[in-house]
C-alpha atoms as a PDB file:
ATOM      1  CA  UNK A   1     -15.900  11.685 -17.586  1.00  0.00           C
ATOM      2  CA  UNK A   2     -16.494  14.073 -14.240  1.00  0.00           C
ATOM      3  CA  UNK A   3     -15.086  13.287 -10.984  1.00  0.00           C
ATOM      4  CA  UNK A   4     -15.732   9.941 -10.999  1.00  0.00           C
ATOM      5  CA  UNK A   5     -16.220   7.759  -7.233  1.00  0.00           C
ATOM      6  CA  UNK A   6     -13.654   4.699  -7.110  1.00  0.00           C
ATOM      7  CA  UNK A   7     -16.360   2.403  -7.289  1.00  0.00           C
ATOM      8  CA  UNK A   8     -17.826   4.115 -10.700  1.00  0.00           C
ATOM      9  CA  UNK A   9     -14.549   3.822 -12.149  1.00  0.00           C
ATOM     10  CA  UNK A  10     -13.436   0.187 -11.027  1.00  0.00           C
ATOM     11  CA  UNK A  11     -17.142  -0.957 -12.643  1.00  0.00           C
ATOM     12  CA  UNK A  12     -15.795   0.913 -15.803  1.00  0.00           C
ATOM     13  CA  UNK A  13     -12.734  -0.852 -15.673  1.00  0.00           C
ATOM     14  CA  UNK A  14     -14.414  -4.110 -15.162  1.00  0.00           C
ATOM     15  CA  UNK A  15     -16.083  -3.163 -18.472  1.00  0.00           C
ATOM     16  CA  UNK A  16     -12.596  -2.683 -20.281  1.00  0.00           C
ATOM     17  CA  UNK A  17     -12.998   0.980 -20.090  1.00  0.00           C
ATOM     18  CA  UNK A  18      -8.978   1.980 -20.659  1.00  0.00           C
ATOM     19  CA  UNK A  19      -9.678   5.852 -19.623  1.00  0.00           C
ATOM     20  CA  UNK A  20     -11.185   4.700 -16.326  1.00  0.00           C
ATOM     21  CA  UNK A  21      -8.045   2.496 -15.616  1.00  0.00           C
ATOM     22  CA  UNK A  22      -5.914   5.361 -16.725  1.00  0.00           C
ATOM     23  CA  UNK A  23      -7.470   7.500 -14.326  1.00  0.00           C
ATOM     24  CA  UNK A  24      -7.544   5.024 -11.895  1.00  0.00           C
ATOM     25  CA  UNK A  25      -3.874   4.397 -11.942  1.00  0.00           C
ATOM     26  CA  UNK A  26      -3.401   8.218 -11.721  1.00  0.00           C
ATOM     27  CA  UNK A  27      -5.145   8.718  -8.836  1.00  0.00           C
ATOM     28  CA  UNK A  28      -3.103   6.210  -6.352  1.00  0.00           C
ATOM     29  CA  UNK A  29       0.329   5.296  -8.469  1.00  0.00           C
ATOM     30  CA  UNK A  30       1.995   7.182  -5.737  1.00  0.00           C
ATOM     31  CA  UNK A  31       0.241   5.621  -2.857  1.00  0.00           C
ATOM     32  CA  UNK A  32       0.852   2.148  -4.380  1.00  0.00           C
ATOM     33  CA  UNK A  33       4.587   3.289  -5.097  1.00  0.00           C
ATOM     34  CA  UNK A  34       4.982   4.432  -1.396  1.00  0.00           C
ATOM     35  CA  UNK A  35       3.435   1.707  -0.094  1.00  0.00           C
ATOM     36  CA  UNK A  36       5.869  -1.185  -2.016  1.00  0.00           C
ATOM     37  CA  UNK A  37       8.819   0.746  -1.872  1.00  0.00           C
ATOM     38  CA  UNK A  38       7.990   1.385   2.053  1.00  0.00           C
ATOM     39  CA  UNK A  39       8.147  -2.490   2.013  1.00  0.00           C
ATOM     40  CA  UNK A  40      10.504  -3.635  -0.437  1.00  0.00           C
ATOM     41  CA  UNK A  41      13.224  -0.824  -0.074  1.00  0.00           C
ATOM     42  CA  UNK A  42      14.330  -0.785  -3.599  1.00  0.00           C
ATOM     43  CA  UNK A  43      12.895   1.371  -6.422  1.00  0.00           C
ATOM     44  CA  UNK A  44      13.000  -1.505  -9.111  1.00  0.00           C
ATOM     45  CA  UNK A  45      11.242  -3.806  -7.213  1.00  0.00           C
ATOM     46  CA  UNK A  46       8.495  -1.441  -6.219  1.00  0.00           C
ATOM     47  CA  UNK A  47       8.110  -0.348  -9.488  1.00  0.00           C
ATOM     48  CA  UNK A  48       7.463  -3.879 -10.819  1.00  0.00           C
ATOM     49  CA  UNK A  49       4.983  -4.907  -7.560  1.00  0.00           C
ATOM     50  CA  UNK A  50       2.962  -2.077  -8.425  1.00  0.00           C
ATOM     51  CA  UNK A  51       2.728  -2.623 -11.979  1.00  0.00           C
ATOM     52  CA  UNK A  52       2.039  -6.020 -11.200  1.00  0.00           C
ATOM     53  CA  UNK A  53      -0.717  -4.786  -8.645  1.00  0.00           C
ATOM     54  CA  UNK A  54      -2.438  -2.917 -11.409  1.00  0.00           C
ATOM     55  CA  UNK A  55      -1.968  -5.476 -13.764  1.00  0.00           C
ATOM     56  CA  UNK A  56      -4.158  -7.423 -11.399  1.00  0.00           C
ATOM     57  CA  UNK A  57      -6.440  -4.580 -11.224  1.00  0.00           C
ATOM     58  CA  UNK A  58      -6.963  -4.664 -15.053  1.00  0.00           C
ATOM     59  CA  UNK A  59      -7.385  -8.519 -15.051  1.00  0.00           C
ATOM     60  CA  UNK A  60      -9.453  -9.017 -11.724  1.00  0.00           C
ATOM     61  CA  UNK A  61     -11.663  -5.523 -10.811  1.00  0.00           C
ATOM     62  CA  UNK A  62     -14.626  -8.324 -11.056  1.00  0.00           C
ATOM     63  CA  UNK A  63     -12.952  -9.468  -7.540  1.00  0.00           C
ATOM     64  CA  UNK A  64     -13.493  -6.505  -5.815  1.00  0.00           C
ATOM     65  CA  UNK A  65     -16.428  -6.816  -3.098  1.00  0.00           C
ATOM     66  CA  UNK A  66     -17.714  -3.626  -1.838  1.00  0.00           C
ATOM     67  CA  UNK A  67     -19.243  -4.422   1.185  1.00  0.00           C
ATOM     68  CA  UNK A  68     -15.437  -5.857   2.231  1.00  0.00           C
ATOM     69  CA  UNK A  69     -14.094  -2.490   2.053  1.00  0.00           C
ATOM     70  CA  UNK A  70     -13.529   0.630  -0.238  1.00  0.00           C
ATOM     71  CA  UNK A  71     -11.316   0.053  -3.876  1.00  0.00           C
ATOM     72  CA  UNK A  72      -8.406   1.865  -2.013  1.00  0.00           C
ATOM     73  CA  UNK A  73      -8.300  -0.123   0.454  1.00  0.00           C
ATOM     74  CA  UNK A  74      -8.449  -3.430  -2.111  1.00  0.00           C
ATOM     75  CA  UNK A  75      -5.922  -2.005  -4.325  1.00  0.00           C
ATOM     76  CA  UNK A  76      -3.453  -1.458  -1.179  1.00  0.00           C
ATOM     77  CA  UNK A  77      -3.973  -4.790   0.069  1.00  0.00           C
ATOM     78  CA  UNK A  78      -2.834  -6.119  -3.830  1.00  0.00           C
ATOM     79  CA  UNK A  79       0.430  -3.701  -3.668  1.00  0.00           C
ATOM     80  CA  UNK A  80       0.791  -4.913  -0.210  1.00  0.00           C
ATOM     81  CA  UNK A  81       0.342  -8.983  -0.811  1.00  0.00           C
ATOM     82  CA  UNK A  82       2.910  -8.660  -3.728  1.00  0.00           C
ATOM     83  CA  UNK A  83       5.475  -6.531  -2.346  1.00  0.00           C
ATOM     84  CA  UNK A  84       5.534  -9.191   0.515  1.00  0.00           C
ATOM     85  CA  UNK A  85       5.584 -11.843  -1.843  1.00  0.00           C
ATOM     86  CA  UNK A  86       8.278 -10.248  -3.982  1.00  0.00           C
ATOM     87  CA  UNK A  87      10.171  -9.879  -0.310  1.00  0.00           C
ATOM     88  CA  UNK A  88       9.920 -13.753   0.612  1.00  0.00           C
ATOM     89  CA  UNK A  89      11.180 -14.438  -3.075  1.00  0.00           C
ATOM     90  CA  UNK A  90      13.817 -12.503  -2.814  1.00  0.00           C
ATOM     91  CA  UNK A  91      17.448 -14.829  -2.369  1.00  0.00           C
ATOM     92  CA  UNK A  92      19.260 -13.918   1.027  1.00  0.00           C
ATOM     93  CA  UNK A  93      21.861 -12.356  -0.383  1.00  0.00           C
ATOM     94  CA  UNK A  94      19.782  -9.957  -2.499  1.00  0.00           C
ATOM     95  CA  UNK A  95      17.644  -9.619   0.576  1.00  0.00           C
ATOM     96  CA  UNK A  96      21.076  -8.268   2.098  1.00  0.00           C
ATOM     97  CA  UNK A  97      21.965  -5.958  -0.657  1.00  0.00           C
ATOM     98  CA  UNK A  98      25.428  -5.543  -0.870  1.00  0.00           C
ATOM     99  CA  UNK A  99      27.855  -3.127  -2.809  1.00  0.00           C
ATOM    100  CA  UNK A 100      25.661  -3.286  -5.760  1.00  0.00           C
ATOM    101  CA  UNK A 101      22.277  -2.333  -4.297  1.00  0.00           C
ATOM    102  CA  UNK A 102      24.007   0.677  -2.692  1.00  0.00           C
ATOM    103  CA  UNK A 103      25.610   1.730  -5.944  1.00  0.00           C
ATOM    104  CA  UNK A 104      21.848   1.516  -7.462  1.00  0.00           C
ATOM    105  CA  UNK A 105      20.548   3.875  -4.649  1.00  0.00           C
ATOM    106  CA  UNK A 106      23.250   6.281  -5.029  1.00  0.00           C
ATOM    107  CA  UNK A 107      22.227   6.682  -9.086  1.00  0.00           C
ATOM    108  CA  UNK A 108      18.583   6.519  -8.489  1.00  0.00           C
ATOM    109  CA  UNK A 109      16.823   9.595  -9.576  1.00  0.00           C
ATOM    110  CA  UNK A 110      16.346  12.206  -7.159  1.00  0.00           C
ATOM    111  CA  UNK A 111      12.697  13.141  -7.369  1.00  0.00           C
ATOM    112  CA  UNK A 112      11.577  16.589  -8.175  1.00  0.00           C
ATOM    113  CA  UNK A 113      10.594  19.547  -5.671  1.00  0.00           C
ATOM    114  CA  UNK A 114       7.132  19.432  -6.321  1.00  0.00           C
ATOM    115  CA  UNK A 115       6.609  15.456  -5.988  1.00  0.00           C
ATOM    116  CA  UNK A 116       8.981  15.614  -2.969  1.00  0.00           C
ATOM    117  CA  UNK A 117       6.355  18.220  -1.171  1.00  0.00           C
ATOM    118  CA  UNK A 118       3.596  16.652  -2.125  1.00  0.00           C
ATOM    119  CA  UNK A 119       4.911  12.953  -0.331  1.00  0.00           C
ATOM    120  CA  UNK A 120       6.013  15.024   2.507  1.00  0.00           C
ATOM    121  CA  UNK A 121       2.625  16.045   2.887  1.00  0.00           C
ATOM    122  CA  UNK A 122       0.815  13.059   2.726  1.00  0.00           C
ATOM    123  CA  UNK A 123       3.642  11.215   5.396  1.00  0.00           C
ATOM    124  CA  UNK A 124       2.666  14.340   7.991  1.00  0.00           C
ATOM    125  CA  UNK A 125      -1.242  13.500   7.402  1.00  0.00           C
ATOM    126  CA  UNK A 126      -0.494   9.464   8.342  1.00  0.00           C
ATOM    127  CA  UNK A 127       1.841  10.121  10.947  1.00  0.00           C
ATOM    128  CA  UNK A 128      -0.720  12.362  12.683  1.00  0.00           C
ATOM    129  CA  UNK A 129      -3.456  10.354  12.095  1.00  0.00           C
ATOM    130  CA  UNK A 130      -1.419   7.517  13.045  1.00  0.00           C
ATOM    131  CA  UNK A 131      -0.559   9.113  16.316  1.00  0.00           C
ATOM    132  CA  UNK A 132      -3.956   9.854  17.566  1.00  0.00           C
ATOM    133  CA  UNK A 133      -4.585   5.961  17.132  1.00  0.00           C
ATOM    134  CA  UNK A 134      -4.641   3.404  20.893  1.00  0.00           C
ATOM    135  CA  UNK A 135      -0.772   2.259  21.211  1.00  0.00           C
ATOM    136  CA  UNK A 136      -2.160  -1.144  20.543  1.00  0.00           C
ATOM    137  CA  UNK A 137      -3.544  -0.716  17.284  1.00  0.00           C
ATOM    138  CA  UNK A 138      -0.643   1.398  15.814  1.00  0.00           C
ATOM    139  CA  UNK A 139       1.621  -1.432  16.998  1.00  0.00           C
ATOM    140  CA  UNK A 140      -0.257  -3.507  14.524  1.00  0.00           C
ATOM    141  CA  UNK A 141      -0.498  -1.412  11.813  1.00  0.00           C
ATOM    142  CA  UNK A 142       3.006  -0.796  11.714  1.00  0.00           C
ATOM    143  CA  UNK A 143       3.568  -4.177  11.686  1.00  0.00           C
ATOM    144  CA  UNK A 144       1.168  -4.902   8.754  1.00  0.00           C
ATOM    145  CA  UNK A 145       1.848  -2.055   6.564  1.00  0.00           C
ATOM    146  CA  UNK A 146       5.332  -0.956   7.582  1.00  0.00           C
ATOM    147  CA  UNK A 147       6.967  -4.177   8.693  1.00  0.00           C
ATOM    148  CA  UNK A 148       5.369  -6.305   6.217  1.00  0.00           C
ATOM    149  CA  UNK A 149       4.114  -9.738   8.523  1.00  0.00           C
ATOM    150  CA  UNK A 150       1.210 -10.676   8.090  1.00  0.00           C
ATOM    151  CA  UNK A 151      -1.760 -11.237  10.204  1.00  0.00           C
ATOM    152  CA  UNK A 152      -0.649 -14.766  12.192  1.00  0.00           C
ATOM    153  CA  UNK A 153       3.132 -13.204  12.198  1.00  0.00           C
ATOM    154  CA  UNK A 154       1.639 -10.134  14.089  1.00  0.00           C
ATOM    155  CA  UNK A 155      -0.344 -12.091  16.770  1.00  0.00           C
ATOM    156  CA  UNK A 156       3.113 -14.441  17.525  1.00  0.00           C
ATOM    157  CA  UNK A 157       5.160 -11.250  17.744  1.00  0.00           C
ATOM    158  CA  UNK A 158       2.578  -9.372  19.872  1.00  0.00           C
ATOM    159  CA  UNK A 159       1.315 -12.467  22.049  1.00  0.00           C
ATOM    160  CA  UNK A 160      -2.362 -12.099  20.930  1.00  0.00           C
ATOM    161  CA  UNK A 161      -4.852 -14.271  19.464  1.00  0.00           C
ATOM    162  CA  UNK A 162      -5.448 -13.769  16.009  1.00  0.00           C
ATOM    163  CA  UNK A 163      -8.767 -12.582  15.956  1.00  0.00           C
ATOM    164  CA  UNK A 164      -7.937  -9.843  18.532  1.00  0.00           C
ATOM    165  CA  UNK A 165      -5.168  -8.668  15.596  1.00  0.00           C
ATOM    166  CA  UNK A 166      -7.683  -8.313  12.882  1.00  0.00           C
ATOM    167  CA  UNK A 167     -10.379  -6.492  15.272  1.00  0.00           C
ATOM    168  CA  UNK A 168      -7.218  -4.126  16.009  1.00  0.00           C
ATOM    169  CA  UNK A 169      -6.617  -3.623  12.535  1.00  0.00           C
ATOM    170  CA  UNK A 170     -10.263  -3.261  11.087  1.00  0.00           C
ATOM    171  CA  UNK A 171     -10.290  -0.712  14.015  1.00  0.00           C
ATOM    172  CA  UNK A 172      -7.132   1.194  13.380  1.00  0.00           C
ATOM    173  CA  UNK A 173      -7.985   1.175   9.592  1.00  0.00           C
ATOM    174  CA  UNK A 174     -11.410   2.704  10.068  1.00  0.00           C
ATOM    175  CA  UNK A 175     -10.260   5.474  11.927  1.00  0.00           C
ATOM    176  CA  UNK A 176      -7.042   6.291   9.954  1.00  0.00           C
ATOM    177  CA  UNK A 177     -10.397   6.530   7.129  1.00  0.00           C
ATOM    178  CA  UNK A 178     -12.257   8.801   8.713  1.00  0.00           C
ATOM    179  CA  UNK A 179      -8.920  10.981   9.972  1.00  0.00           C
ATOM    180  CA  UNK A 180      -7.451  10.741   6.493  1.00  0.00           C
ATOM    181  CA  UNK A 181     -10.726  11.807   4.990  1.00  0.00           C
ATOM    182  CA  UNK A 182     -11.613  14.622   6.752  1.00  0.00           C
ATOM    183  CA  UNK A 183      -7.762  16.135   5.833  1.00  0.00           C
END
């Protein structure tokens, strides 16, 4: 199985190819984990969310529609939506944290230096790509992907129509894809 595209891997996953699923997981696990952790904060919740999202990929690979976007965006949407669902399901006490959550974070395993260097490099690329977006596009991306807002919530927060939010997100994501693909 040489270097397969995301779409080729997903087609193989649809057919039940476990090796293709493992390659897709290896390719996007770090990105999915970073996204889930950014929304949820707690590593155990993020890990469970990523596992839920990849289980959905395995079970529902046939729902991917290439005309609506790339596999990476589809997978990120799965992770983000599951993370937001998990965040909303938390009780108020769990959302606030408390001593147990602080202790859990203090005991969390530190990433190895190579993993930390790769993550820092990815973060720098994303931050540089975000910096060149027009401010109104950057704002909706930050609210959607870093603050976990729905498109309707963004429209209410920013005071713009829902259609404008969707347009700005689409334009921003297209621009980010071009910039990050060239990096």
